[in-house]
Amino acid sequence: MTDTTPPKISLQDQRSQAMRTKICRAAIDCLDRLGYAETTFAKIQAKASVSRGAITHHFPTKQALVAATAMQLLSNAQGPVERGDSLDVLPVYDLIMTSWTRIVNSSGGRAIVEILVACRTDAELYQLLEDGLLDWDQSNLALIAQSYTSANGEREDTELLWSIARNFLRGLLLHEKFVSSPEYLTRMMDRFARMMESQLSVRPTPDQETQQ
């Protein structure tokens, strides 16, 4: 009989992962408050209350740290679209609003926008992230197509609509500087989510399709 018990994680590995997580959280805070250019090892070190050696042991360069932080944030961003039990699939309106409030309009969401903008001019950062970004995009679109369908039923259209939604949400973070009222952004989000309701819907489960 094959032993399927997962290997036990050593105490050292647990401590190492905890330190990496602590450093990445500090990086997120710095990216959100200070922006990419002003995020330095010294400021991350002060925020995390760790030594510079502890940071460079795990992340030899700023770009390596920011790239790891980006992939952690993107992994967390899969949450609203991951499908477990079909009953957990969010209605389209709730999917859009939850993605905005929990993922995009947050410290992590603002940090990822800083990172993506930095990729335009920081070649080393982009090189570290390029494959991961492309893989994440395909994974995210596949999750959406698994749980939702466009009005015309075509997968390509479903993925296109979700790409439009993601870009709208990220762009709204930048548009925030053009308006003085948070309520106006809330109205924009509500209107956009209701527009998306006319284009996307929750995909029926196999049982529901059989009953139709």
N, C-alpha and C. Protein backbone atom coordinates (compact mmCIF):
# COMPACT_ATOMS: atom_id res chain seq x y z
N MET A 1 0.85 -1.20 0.00
CA MET A 1 0.00 0.00 0.00
C MET A 1 0.89 1.26 0.00
N THR A 2 0.55 2.20 -0.85
CA THR A 2 1.34 3.42 -0.94
C THR A 2 0.99 4.37 0.19
N ASP A 3 2.00 4.89 0.83
CA ASP A 3 1.79 5.84 1.93
C ASP A 3 1.52 7.22 1.34
N THR A 4 0.29 7.72 1.57
CA THR A 4 -0.09 9.02 1.03
C THR A 4 0.01 10.13 2.07
N THR A 5 0.56 9.81 3.24
CA THR A 5 0.70 10.81 4.29
C THR A 5 1.67 11.90 3.84
N PRO A 6 1.25 13.16 3.87
CA PRO A 6 2.15 14.23 3.44
C PRO A 6 3.37 14.31 4.35
N PRO A 7 4.52 14.65 3.81
CA PRO A 7 5.73 14.75 4.63
C PRO A 7 5.57 15.80 5.72
N LYS A 8 6.09 15.49 6.89
CA LYS A 8 6.00 16.41 8.01
C LYS A 8 6.95 17.59 7.79
N ILE A 9 6.43 18.79 8.03
CA ILE A 9 7.25 19.98 7.86
C ILE A 9 8.09 20.17 9.12
N SER A 10 9.38 20.33 8.93
CA SER A 10 10.28 20.48 10.07
C SER A 10 10.06 21.82 10.76
N LEU A 11 10.48 21.90 12.01
CA LEU A 11 10.36 23.14 12.77
C LEU A 11 11.16 24.25 12.09
N GLN A 12 12.31 23.91 11.55
CA GLN A 12 13.12 24.91 10.86
C GLN A 12 12.41 25.46 9.63
N ASP A 13 11.75 24.57 8.88
CA ASP A 13 10.99 25.02 7.71
C ASP A 13 9.83 25.91 8.12
N GLN A 14 9.17 25.56 9.22
CA GLN A 14 8.07 26.39 9.72
C GLN A 14 8.56 27.78 10.10
N ARG A 15 9.70 27.84 10.77
CA ARG A 15 10.26 29.13 11.17
C ARG A 15 10.67 29.95 9.94
N SER A 16 11.24 29.26 8.96
CA SER A 16 11.66 29.94 7.74
C SER A 16 10.46 30.53 7.01
N GLN A 17 9.38 29.75 6.91
CA GLN A 17 8.18 30.23 6.24
C GLN A 17 7.55 31.39 7.00
N ALA A 18 7.56 31.30 8.32
CA ALA A 18 7.00 32.37 9.14
C ALA A 18 7.78 33.67 8.94
N MET A 19 9.10 33.55 8.83
CA MET A 19 9.93 34.74 8.61
C MET A 19 9.66 35.33 7.23
N ARG A 20 9.56 34.49 6.21
CA ARG A 20 9.27 34.97 4.86
C ARG A 20 7.93 35.70 4.83
N THR A 21 6.94 35.13 5.50
CA THR A 21 5.61 35.75 5.55
C THR A 21 5.67 37.10 6.25
N LYS A 22 6.40 37.17 7.35
CA LYS A 22 6.54 38.42 8.10
C LYS A 22 7.19 39.50 7.25
N ILE A 23 8.23 39.12 6.53
CA ILE A 23 8.94 40.08 5.67
C ILE A 23 8.04 40.55 4.53
N CYS A 24 7.31 39.62 3.92
CA CYS A 24 6.41 39.99 2.81
C CYS A 24 5.30 40.91 3.29
N ARG A 25 4.78 40.67 4.49
CA ARG A 25 3.74 41.56 5.02
C ARG A 25 4.28 42.97 5.23
N ALA A 26 5.51 43.06 5.70
CA ALA A 26 6.12 44.38 5.86
C ALA A 26 6.32 45.05 4.50
N ALA A 27 6.69 44.27 3.51
CA ALA A 27 6.87 44.81 2.16
C ALA A 27 5.54 45.33 1.61
N ILE A 28 4.46 44.60 1.86
CA ILE A 28 3.14 45.05 1.41
C ILE A 28 2.80 46.39 2.02
N ASP A 29 3.03 46.53 3.31
CA ASP A 29 2.73 47.79 3.99
C ASP A 29 3.55 48.93 3.40
N CYS A 30 4.83 48.69 3.16
CA CYS A 30 5.69 49.74 2.59
C CYS A 30 5.27 50.11 1.17
N LEU A 31 4.97 49.11 0.36
CA LEU A 31 4.54 49.37 -1.01
C LEU A 31 3.25 50.19 -1.02
N ASP A 32 2.34 49.88 -0.12
CA ASP A 32 1.07 50.59 -0.04
C ASP A 32 1.28 52.04 0.40
N ARG A 33 2.07 52.24 1.44
CA ARG A 33 2.23 53.58 2.02
C ARG A 33 3.23 54.45 1.26
N LEU A 34 4.29 53.82 0.76
CA LEU A 34 5.42 54.59 0.23
C LEU A 34 5.59 54.49 -1.28
N GLY A 35 5.04 53.45 -1.89
CA GLY A 35 5.26 53.23 -3.31
C GLY A 35 6.50 52.39 -3.54
N TYR A 36 6.65 51.90 -4.77
CA TYR A 36 7.76 50.98 -5.07
C TYR A 36 9.12 51.65 -4.92
N ALA A 37 9.27 52.85 -5.44
CA ALA A 37 10.58 53.51 -5.44
C ALA A 37 11.11 53.74 -4.03
N GLU A 38 10.21 54.05 -3.10
CA GLU A 38 10.62 54.36 -1.73
C GLU A 38 10.64 53.13 -0.82
N THR A 39 10.27 51.98 -1.35
CA THR A 39 10.32 50.74 -0.56
C THR A 39 11.74 50.19 -0.62
N THR A 40 12.42 50.23 0.50
CA THR A 40 13.81 49.79 0.59
C THR A 40 13.94 48.71 1.65
N PHE A 41 15.06 48.00 1.61
CA PHE A 41 15.33 47.00 2.65
C PHE A 41 15.29 47.65 4.03
N ALA A 42 15.84 48.86 4.15
CA ALA A 42 15.89 49.52 5.46
C ALA A 42 14.49 49.77 6.01
N LYS A 43 13.58 50.20 5.15
CA LYS A 43 12.22 50.50 5.61
C LYS A 43 11.45 49.22 5.89
N ILE A 44 11.67 48.19 5.08
CA ILE A 44 11.04 46.90 5.35
C ILE A 44 11.58 46.31 6.64
N GLN A 45 12.88 46.45 6.84
CA GLN A 45 13.53 45.97 8.06
C GLN A 45 12.92 46.63 9.29
N ALA A 46 12.72 47.94 9.22
CA ALA A 46 12.14 48.66 10.36
C ALA A 46 10.70 48.23 10.61
N LYS A 47 9.94 48.04 9.55
CA LYS A 47 8.54 47.64 9.70
C LYS A 47 8.43 46.23 10.26
N ALA A 48 9.26 45.32 9.79
CA ALA A 48 9.18 43.92 10.22
C ALA A 48 9.91 43.67 11.54
N SER A 49 10.73 44.62 11.97
CA SER A 49 11.54 44.47 13.19
C SER A 49 12.43 43.24 13.09
N VAL A 50 13.12 43.13 11.97
CA VAL A 50 14.07 42.03 11.77
C VAL A 50 15.39 42.62 11.29
N SER A 51 16.43 41.81 11.31
CA SER A 51 17.73 42.29 10.85
C SER A 51 17.79 42.29 9.32
N ARG A 52 18.70 43.09 8.79
CA ARG A 52 18.88 43.09 7.34
C ARG A 52 19.33 41.72 6.86
N GLY A 53 20.14 41.05 7.67
CA GLY A 53 20.60 39.71 7.31
C GLY A 53 19.46 38.72 7.18
N ALA A 54 18.43 38.88 8.04
CA ALA A 54 17.27 37.99 7.97
C ALA A 54 16.55 38.17 6.64
N ILE A 55 16.51 39.42 6.16
CA ILE A 55 15.84 39.68 4.88
C ILE A 55 16.66 39.11 3.73
N THR A 56 17.94 39.44 3.69
CA THR A 56 18.76 39.02 2.55
C THR A 56 19.00 37.51 2.54
N HIS A 57 18.85 36.86 3.68
CA HIS A 57 18.96 35.40 3.71
C HIS A 57 17.88 34.76 2.85
N HIS A 58 16.69 35.35 2.88
CA HIS A 58 15.56 34.81 2.11
C HIS A 58 15.42 35.49 0.75
N PHE A 59 15.75 36.77 0.69
CA PHE A 59 15.55 37.55 -0.53
C PHE A 59 16.82 38.37 -0.80
N PRO A 60 17.67 37.92 -1.71
CA PRO A 60 18.96 38.60 -1.93
C PRO A 60 18.85 40.00 -2.49
N THR A 61 17.74 40.30 -3.18
CA THR A 61 17.56 41.63 -3.77
C THR A 61 16.16 42.14 -3.48
N LYS A 62 15.99 43.45 -3.64
CA LYS A 62 14.66 44.05 -3.48
C LYS A 62 13.69 43.43 -4.49
N GLN A 63 14.16 43.23 -5.70
CA GLN A 63 13.30 42.67 -6.74
C GLN A 63 12.83 41.26 -6.38
N ALA A 64 13.73 40.46 -5.81
CA ALA A 64 13.35 39.10 -5.41
C ALA A 64 12.28 39.13 -4.33
N LEU A 65 12.42 40.05 -3.37
CA LEU A 65 11.42 40.18 -2.31
C LEU A 65 10.09 40.65 -2.87
N VAL A 66 10.12 41.66 -3.72
CA VAL A 66 8.88 42.20 -4.28
C VAL A 66 8.20 41.16 -5.17
N ALA A 67 8.97 40.40 -5.93
CA ALA A 67 8.39 39.36 -6.79
C ALA A 67 7.70 38.29 -5.94
N ALA A 68 8.35 37.86 -4.86
CA ALA A 68 7.74 36.86 -3.98
C ALA A 68 6.48 37.41 -3.33
N THR A 69 6.52 38.68 -2.95
CA THR A 69 5.35 39.33 -2.36
C THR A 69 4.21 39.39 -3.36
N ALA A 70 4.52 39.71 -4.61
CA ALA A 70 3.50 39.78 -5.65
C ALA A 70 2.81 38.44 -5.85
N MET A 71 3.58 37.36 -5.90
CA MET A 71 2.99 36.05 -6.12
C MET A 71 2.14 35.61 -4.93
N GLN A 72 2.54 36.02 -3.73
CA GLN A 72 1.73 35.73 -2.55
C GLN A 72 0.40 36.47 -2.63
N LEU A 73 0.45 37.73 -3.02
CA LEU A 73 -0.77 38.52 -3.15
C LEU A 73 -1.69 37.96 -4.23
N LEU A 74 -1.12 37.57 -5.36
CA LEU A 74 -1.92 37.03 -6.45
C LEU A 74 -2.55 35.70 -6.05
N SER A 75 -1.84 34.90 -5.28
CA SER A 75 -2.41 33.64 -4.79
C SER A 75 -3.62 33.92 -3.91
N ASN A 76 -3.50 34.91 -3.04
CA ASN A 76 -4.63 35.27 -2.18
C ASN A 76 -5.81 35.80 -2.99
N ALA A 77 -5.52 36.43 -4.13
CA ALA A 77 -6.56 37.03 -4.95
C ALA A 77 -7.43 36.00 -5.66
N GLN A 78 -7.01 34.74 -5.66
CA GLN A 78 -7.83 33.70 -6.27
C GLN A 78 -9.07 33.39 -5.44
N GLY A 79 -9.05 33.77 -4.17
CA GLY A 79 -10.11 33.39 -3.24
C GLY A 79 -11.54 33.56 -3.74
N PRO A 80 -11.94 34.76 -4.19
CA PRO A 80 -13.34 34.95 -4.58
C PRO A 80 -13.81 34.09 -5.75
N VAL A 81 -12.88 33.58 -6.59
CA VAL A 81 -13.30 32.83 -7.77
C VAL A 81 -13.06 31.33 -7.64
N GLU A 82 -12.42 30.89 -6.56
CA GLU A 82 -12.18 29.47 -6.38
C GLU A 82 -13.49 28.78 -6.06
N ARG A 83 -13.70 27.64 -6.71
CA ARG A 83 -14.96 26.92 -6.56
C ARG A 83 -14.74 25.65 -5.76
N GLY A 84 -15.38 25.60 -4.60
CA GLY A 84 -15.39 24.36 -3.83
C GLY A 84 -16.74 23.73 -4.05
N ASP A 85 -17.53 23.69 -3.02
CA ASP A 85 -18.92 23.28 -3.14
C ASP A 85 -19.64 24.31 -4.01
N SER A 86 -20.47 23.85 -4.92
CA SER A 86 -21.14 24.76 -5.85
C SER A 86 -21.98 25.80 -5.13
N LEU A 87 -22.43 25.48 -3.90
CA LEU A 87 -23.25 26.43 -3.16
C LEU A 87 -22.44 27.66 -2.75
N ASP A 88 -21.11 27.54 -2.79
CA ASP A 88 -20.25 28.64 -2.37
C ASP A 88 -19.96 29.63 -3.49
N VAL A 89 -20.40 29.33 -4.70
CA VAL A 89 -20.13 30.24 -5.82
C VAL A 89 -20.92 31.53 -5.62
N LEU A 90 -20.22 32.65 -5.67
CA LEU A 90 -20.87 33.93 -5.44
C LEU A 90 -21.68 34.37 -6.65
N PRO A 91 -22.84 34.98 -6.44
CA PRO A 91 -23.53 35.63 -7.55
C PRO A 91 -22.60 36.67 -8.17
N VAL A 92 -22.82 36.99 -9.43
CA VAL A 92 -21.90 37.88 -10.15
C VAL A 92 -21.74 39.23 -9.45
N TYR A 93 -22.83 39.81 -9.00
CA TYR A 93 -22.75 41.11 -8.31
C TYR A 93 -21.85 41.00 -7.09
N ASP A 94 -22.06 39.96 -6.29
CA ASP A 94 -21.26 39.77 -5.08
C ASP A 94 -19.80 39.47 -5.42
N LEU A 95 -19.58 38.74 -6.51
CA LEU A 95 -18.21 38.46 -6.94
C LEU A 95 -17.45 39.75 -7.23
N ILE A 96 -18.07 40.65 -7.96
CA ILE A 96 -17.42 41.91 -8.32
C ILE A 96 -17.19 42.76 -7.07
N MET A 97 -18.21 42.90 -6.24
CA MET A 97 -18.09 43.76 -5.06
C MET A 97 -17.11 43.18 -4.06
N THR A 98 -17.11 41.86 -3.89
CA THR A 98 -16.17 41.22 -2.97
C THR A 98 -14.74 41.36 -3.47
N SER A 99 -14.56 41.20 -4.77
CA SER A 99 -13.22 41.36 -5.34
C SER A 99 -12.69 42.77 -5.09
N TRP A 100 -13.58 43.75 -5.15
CA TRP A 100 -13.18 45.14 -4.90
C TRP A 100 -12.87 45.37 -3.43
N THR A 101 -13.79 45.00 -2.55
CA THR A 101 -13.63 45.34 -1.13
C THR A 101 -12.57 44.49 -0.43
N ARG A 102 -12.46 43.22 -0.79
CA ARG A 102 -11.55 42.32 -0.09
C ARG A 102 -10.17 42.22 -0.73
N ILE A 103 -10.11 42.36 -2.04
CA ILE A 103 -8.86 42.11 -2.75
C ILE A 103 -8.22 43.39 -3.28
N VAL A 104 -8.95 44.14 -4.09
CA VAL A 104 -8.33 45.26 -4.80
C VAL A 104 -8.20 46.51 -3.93
N ASN A 105 -9.29 46.92 -3.29
CA ASN A 105 -9.26 48.14 -2.48
C ASN A 105 -8.76 47.82 -1.07
N SER A 106 -7.53 47.38 -1.02
CA SER A 106 -6.91 46.94 0.24
C SER A 106 -5.42 47.25 0.16
N SER A 107 -4.75 47.09 1.27
CA SER A 107 -3.30 47.32 1.27
C SER A 107 -2.61 46.44 0.22
N GLY A 108 -3.00 45.17 0.17
CA GLY A 108 -2.42 44.25 -0.81
C GLY A 108 -2.76 44.62 -2.24
N GLY A 109 -3.99 45.07 -2.46
CA GLY A 109 -4.40 45.47 -3.80
C GLY A 109 -3.63 46.67 -4.30
N ARG A 110 -3.45 47.64 -3.42
CA ARG A 110 -2.67 48.83 -3.81
C ARG A 110 -1.20 48.46 -4.02
N ALA A 111 -0.70 47.53 -3.22
CA ALA A 111 0.69 47.08 -3.38
C ALA A 111 0.89 46.41 -4.73
N ILE A 112 -0.06 45.56 -5.15
CA ILE A 112 0.12 44.85 -6.42
C ILE A 112 0.07 45.83 -7.59
N VAL A 113 -0.74 46.89 -7.49
CA VAL A 113 -0.75 47.90 -8.54
C VAL A 113 0.61 48.60 -8.62
N GLU A 114 1.19 48.91 -7.46
CA GLU A 114 2.54 49.49 -7.44
C GLU A 114 3.54 48.57 -8.14
N ILE A 115 3.43 47.28 -7.87
CA ILE A 115 4.37 46.31 -8.45
C ILE A 115 4.19 46.22 -9.96
N LEU A 116 2.94 46.17 -10.41
CA LEU A 116 2.68 46.06 -11.85
C LEU A 116 3.18 47.29 -12.60
N VAL A 117 2.97 48.47 -12.02
CA VAL A 117 3.47 49.69 -12.65
C VAL A 117 5.00 49.67 -12.69
N ALA A 118 5.62 49.20 -11.61
CA ALA A 118 7.09 49.14 -11.56
C ALA A 118 7.66 48.20 -12.61
N CYS A 119 6.91 47.18 -12.98
CA CYS A 119 7.38 46.22 -13.99
C CYS A 119 7.63 46.88 -15.34
N ARG A 120 7.01 48.03 -15.58
CA ARG A 120 7.21 48.73 -16.85
C ARG A 120 8.65 49.19 -17.01
N THR A 121 9.28 49.59 -15.91
CA THR A 121 10.61 50.19 -16.01
C THR A 121 11.70 49.40 -15.29
N ASP A 122 11.33 48.47 -14.42
CA ASP A 122 12.32 47.66 -13.71
C ASP A 122 12.42 46.31 -14.41
N ALA A 123 13.40 46.19 -15.28
CA ALA A 123 13.53 44.98 -16.10
C ALA A 123 13.79 43.74 -15.26
N GLU A 124 14.57 43.89 -14.19
CA GLU A 124 14.88 42.74 -13.34
C GLU A 124 13.62 42.23 -12.65
N LEU A 125 12.81 43.14 -12.16
CA LEU A 125 11.57 42.75 -11.50
C LEU A 125 10.64 42.05 -12.48
N TYR A 126 10.50 42.62 -13.67
CA TYR A 126 9.61 42.01 -14.66
C TYR A 126 10.10 40.63 -15.08
N GLN A 127 11.40 40.48 -15.22
CA GLN A 127 11.95 39.18 -15.60
C GLN A 127 11.62 38.12 -14.55
N LEU A 128 11.67 38.50 -13.28
CA LEU A 128 11.34 37.57 -12.21
C LEU A 128 9.86 37.22 -12.19
N LEU A 129 9.03 38.14 -12.63
CA LEU A 129 7.58 37.96 -12.52
C LEU A 129 6.89 37.52 -13.80
N GLU A 130 7.53 37.70 -14.94
CA GLU A 130 6.86 37.51 -16.23
C GLU A 130 6.12 36.18 -16.33
N ASP A 131 6.81 35.08 -16.10
CA ASP A 131 6.17 33.76 -16.23
C ASP A 131 5.09 33.57 -15.18
N GLY A 132 5.35 34.03 -13.97
CA GLY A 132 4.36 33.88 -12.90
C GLY A 132 3.09 34.65 -13.19
N LEU A 133 3.22 35.85 -13.74
CA LEU A 133 2.05 36.66 -14.08
C LEU A 133 1.22 35.98 -15.17
N LEU A 134 1.89 35.47 -16.19
CA LEU A 134 1.17 34.80 -17.28
C LEU A 134 0.48 33.54 -16.79
N ASP A 135 1.17 32.76 -15.95
CA ASP A 135 0.57 31.54 -15.40
C ASP A 135 -0.62 31.86 -14.51
N TRP A 136 -0.47 32.91 -13.69
CA TRP A 136 -1.57 33.29 -12.80
C TRP A 136 -2.78 33.74 -13.61
N ASP A 137 -2.54 34.50 -14.65
CA ASP A 137 -3.64 34.99 -15.48
C ASP A 137 -4.43 33.82 -16.06
N GLN A 138 -3.74 32.82 -16.59
CA GLN A 138 -4.43 31.67 -17.17
C GLN A 138 -5.17 30.88 -16.10
N SER A 139 -4.57 30.74 -14.93
CA SER A 139 -5.22 30.03 -13.82
C SER A 139 -6.47 30.76 -13.36
N ASN A 140 -6.38 32.08 -13.24
CA ASN A 140 -7.51 32.87 -12.79
C ASN A 140 -8.66 32.82 -13.78
N LEU A 141 -8.34 32.90 -15.07
CA LEU A 141 -9.37 32.83 -16.10
C LEU A 141 -10.02 31.45 -16.14
N ALA A 142 -9.22 30.40 -15.91
CA ALA A 142 -9.76 29.04 -15.89
C ALA A 142 -10.73 28.86 -14.73
N LEU A 143 -10.42 29.44 -13.58
CA LEU A 143 -11.31 29.36 -12.43
C LEU A 143 -12.63 30.06 -12.72
N ILE A 144 -12.56 31.21 -13.37
CA ILE A 144 -13.78 31.94 -13.72
C ILE A 144 -14.63 31.13 -14.69
N ALA A 145 -14.00 30.57 -15.71
CA ALA A 145 -14.74 29.80 -16.72
C ALA A 145 -15.35 28.54 -16.12
N GLN A 146 -14.76 28.05 -15.04
CA GLN A 146 -15.31 26.87 -14.37
C GLN A 146 -16.60 27.19 -13.64
N SER A 147 -16.71 28.42 -13.14
CA SER A 147 -17.83 28.78 -12.28
C SER A 147 -18.84 29.72 -12.93
N TYR A 148 -18.44 30.42 -13.99
CA TYR A 148 -19.31 31.42 -14.60
C TYR A 148 -19.33 31.25 -16.11
N THR A 149 -20.36 31.83 -16.73
CA THR A 149 -20.46 31.77 -18.18
C THR A 149 -20.99 33.09 -18.70
N SER A 150 -20.55 33.48 -19.89
CA SER A 150 -21.02 34.72 -20.48
C SER A 150 -22.41 34.53 -21.06
N ALA A 151 -23.02 35.64 -21.45
CA ALA A 151 -24.38 35.58 -21.98
C ALA A 151 -24.47 34.75 -23.24
N ASN A 152 -23.38 34.71 -24.04
CA ASN A 152 -23.43 33.91 -25.27
C ASN A 152 -22.89 32.49 -25.07
N GLY A 153 -22.46 32.19 -23.84
CA GLY A 153 -22.03 30.82 -23.53
C GLY A 153 -20.64 30.45 -23.98
N GLU A 154 -19.92 31.38 -24.57
CA GLU A 154 -18.58 31.07 -25.08
C GLU A 154 -17.52 31.32 -24.01
N ARG A 155 -16.65 30.33 -23.83
CA ARG A 155 -15.60 30.46 -22.81
C ARG A 155 -14.70 31.66 -23.07
N GLU A 156 -14.33 31.87 -24.32
CA GLU A 156 -13.46 33.00 -24.64
C GLU A 156 -14.08 34.32 -24.22
N ASP A 157 -15.39 34.44 -24.40
CA ASP A 157 -16.08 35.66 -24.02
C ASP A 157 -16.14 35.79 -22.50
N THR A 158 -16.34 34.67 -21.81
CA THR A 158 -16.34 34.67 -20.35
C THR A 158 -15.02 35.20 -19.82
N GLU A 159 -13.93 34.68 -20.37
CA GLU A 159 -12.60 35.10 -19.93
C GLU A 159 -12.34 36.57 -20.27
N LEU A 160 -12.81 37.01 -21.43
CA LEU A 160 -12.64 38.41 -21.83
C LEU A 160 -13.36 39.34 -20.86
N LEU A 161 -14.59 38.97 -20.50
CA LEU A 161 -15.37 39.80 -19.58
C LEU A 161 -14.68 39.91 -18.22
N TRP A 162 -14.13 38.80 -17.74
CA TRP A 162 -13.46 38.83 -16.44
C TRP A 162 -12.17 39.64 -16.52
N SER A 163 -11.47 39.58 -17.64
CA SER A 163 -10.27 40.41 -17.81
C SER A 163 -10.64 41.89 -17.78
N ILE A 164 -11.75 42.23 -18.41
CA ILE A 164 -12.24 43.61 -18.38
C ILE A 164 -12.55 44.02 -16.95
N ALA A 165 -13.20 43.14 -16.21
CA ALA A 165 -13.56 43.44 -14.82
C ALA A 165 -12.32 43.67 -13.97
N ARG A 166 -11.33 42.80 -14.11
CA ARG A 166 -10.10 42.95 -13.32
C ARG A 166 -9.42 44.28 -13.62
N ASN A 167 -9.37 44.65 -14.90
CA ASN A 167 -8.71 45.90 -15.27
C ASN A 167 -9.50 47.11 -14.78
N PHE A 168 -10.81 47.01 -14.77
CA PHE A 168 -11.63 48.11 -14.24
C PHE A 168 -11.34 48.31 -12.76
N LEU A 169 -11.30 47.21 -12.01
CA LEU A 169 -11.08 47.32 -10.57
C LEU A 169 -9.71 47.92 -10.26
N ARG A 170 -8.68 47.45 -10.96
CA ARG A 170 -7.35 48.01 -10.72
C ARG A 170 -7.30 49.49 -11.13
N GLY A 171 -7.94 49.82 -12.23
CA GLY A 171 -7.95 51.20 -12.69
C GLY A 171 -8.67 52.13 -11.74
N LEU A 172 -9.66 51.59 -11.03
CA LEU A 172 -10.43 52.41 -10.10
C LEU A 172 -9.55 52.89 -8.95
N LEU A 173 -8.55 52.11 -8.59
CA LEU A 173 -7.61 52.56 -7.55
C LEU A 173 -6.91 53.84 -7.97
N LEU A 174 -6.54 53.93 -9.25
CA LEU A 174 -5.88 55.13 -9.76
C LEU A 174 -6.87 56.27 -9.92
N HIS A 175 -8.09 55.95 -10.33
CA HIS A 175 -9.11 56.98 -10.53
C HIS A 175 -9.51 57.62 -9.20
N GLU A 176 -9.27 56.90 -8.11
CA GLU A 176 -9.63 57.41 -6.78
C GLU A 176 -9.05 58.79 -6.52
N LYS A 177 -7.89 59.07 -7.10
CA LYS A 177 -7.23 60.36 -6.88
C LYS A 177 -7.94 61.50 -7.61
N PHE A 178 -8.84 61.16 -8.53
CA PHE A 178 -9.54 62.19 -9.29
C PHE A 178 -10.87 62.59 -8.65
N VAL A 179 -11.29 61.89 -7.62
CA VAL A 179 -12.58 62.18 -6.99
C VAL A 179 -12.36 62.47 -5.51
N SER A 180 -13.27 63.23 -4.94
CA SER A 180 -13.13 63.63 -3.54
C SER A 180 -14.03 62.84 -2.61
N SER A 181 -14.93 62.05 -3.18
CA SER A 181 -15.91 61.35 -2.36
C SER A 181 -15.81 59.84 -2.51
N PRO A 182 -15.56 59.12 -1.41
CA PRO A 182 -15.55 57.65 -1.47
C PRO A 182 -16.90 57.10 -1.92
N GLU A 183 -17.97 57.84 -1.62
CA GLU A 183 -19.30 57.38 -2.02
C GLU A 183 -19.42 57.32 -3.54
N TYR A 184 -18.72 58.21 -4.23
CA TYR A 184 -18.77 58.20 -5.69
C TYR A 184 -18.16 56.92 -6.24
N LEU A 185 -17.05 56.48 -5.65
CA LEU A 185 -16.43 55.22 -6.06
C LEU A 185 -17.37 54.05 -5.79
N THR A 186 -18.07 54.11 -4.67
CA THR A 186 -19.02 53.04 -4.34
C THR A 186 -20.13 52.99 -5.37
N ARG A 187 -20.60 54.16 -5.82
CA ARG A 187 -21.64 54.20 -6.86
C ARG A 187 -21.11 53.63 -8.17
N MET A 188 -19.86 53.95 -8.49
CA MET A 188 -19.27 53.41 -9.72
C MET A 188 -19.18 51.89 -9.64
N MET A 189 -18.75 51.38 -8.49
CA MET A 189 -18.64 49.94 -8.33
C MET A 189 -20.00 49.26 -8.44
N ASP A 190 -21.00 49.85 -7.81
CA ASP A 190 -22.35 49.28 -7.86
C ASP A 190 -22.85 49.24 -9.30
N ARG A 191 -22.65 50.33 -10.02
CA ARG A 191 -23.12 50.40 -11.41
C ARG A 191 -22.39 49.38 -12.28
N PHE A 192 -21.07 49.29 -12.10
CA PHE A 192 -20.29 48.35 -12.90
C PHE A 192 -20.70 46.91 -12.61
N ALA A 193 -20.88 46.59 -11.33
CA ALA A 193 -21.27 45.22 -10.96
C ALA A 193 -22.62 44.86 -11.57
N ARG A 194 -23.53 45.81 -11.61
CA ARG A 194 -24.85 45.52 -12.19
C ARG A 194 -24.77 45.40 -13.71
N MET A 195 -23.87 46.14 -14.32
CA MET A 195 -23.65 45.97 -15.76
C MET A 195 -23.11 44.56 -16.04
N MET A 196 -22.19 44.09 -15.20
CA MET A 196 -21.60 42.77 -15.40
C MET A 196 -22.63 41.67 -15.19
N GLU A 197 -23.63 41.93 -14.35
CA GLU A 197 -24.69 40.93 -14.13
C GLU A 197 -25.42 40.59 -15.42
N SER A 198 -25.48 41.56 -16.34
CA SER A 198 -26.19 41.31 -17.60
C SER A 198 -25.33 40.53 -18.58
N GLN A 199 -24.04 40.40 -18.28
CA GLN A 199 -23.11 39.74 -19.20
C GLN A 199 -22.61 38.39 -18.69
N LEU A 200 -22.55 38.22 -17.37
CA LEU A 200 -22.06 36.99 -16.76
C LEU A 200 -23.12 36.40 -15.86
N SER A 201 -23.07 35.08 -15.71
CA SER A 201 -23.96 34.41 -14.76
C SER A 201 -23.24 33.19 -14.20
N VAL A 202 -23.73 32.70 -13.06
CA VAL A 202 -23.14 31.50 -12.46
C VAL A 202 -23.44 30.31 -13.36
N ARG A 203 -22.42 29.53 -13.63
CA ARG A 203 -22.59 28.34 -14.46
C ARG A 203 -23.39 27.29 -13.70
N PRO A 204 -24.42 26.70 -14.33
CA PRO A 204 -25.19 25.65 -13.65
C PRO A 204 -24.32 24.45 -13.31
N THR A 205 -24.61 23.81 -12.21
CA THR A 205 -23.91 22.57 -11.86
C THR A 205 -24.42 21.45 -12.77
N PRO A 206 -23.69 20.34 -12.89
CA PRO A 206 -24.16 19.21 -13.70
C PRO A 206 -25.56 18.75 -13.30
N ASP A 207 -25.86 18.73 -12.01
CA ASP A 207 -27.19 18.32 -11.55
C ASP A 207 -28.25 19.29 -12.03
N GLN A 208 -27.95 20.58 -11.98
CA GLN A 208 -28.91 21.58 -12.43
C GLN A 208 -29.14 21.47 -13.93
N GLU A 209 -28.08 21.19 -14.69
CA GLU A 209 -28.22 21.04 -16.14
C GLU A 209 -29.07 19.82 -16.47
N THR A 210 -28.94 18.76 -15.70
CA THR A 210 -29.73 17.55 -15.92
C THR A 210 -31.21 17.80 -15.68
N GLN A 211 -31.50 18.64 -14.68
CA GLN A 211 -32.88 18.92 -14.32
C GLN A 211 -33.56 19.84 -15.32
N GLN A 212 -32.76 20.57 -16.10
CA GLN A 212 -33.36 21.52 -17.05
C GLN A 212 -33.97 20.81 -18.26
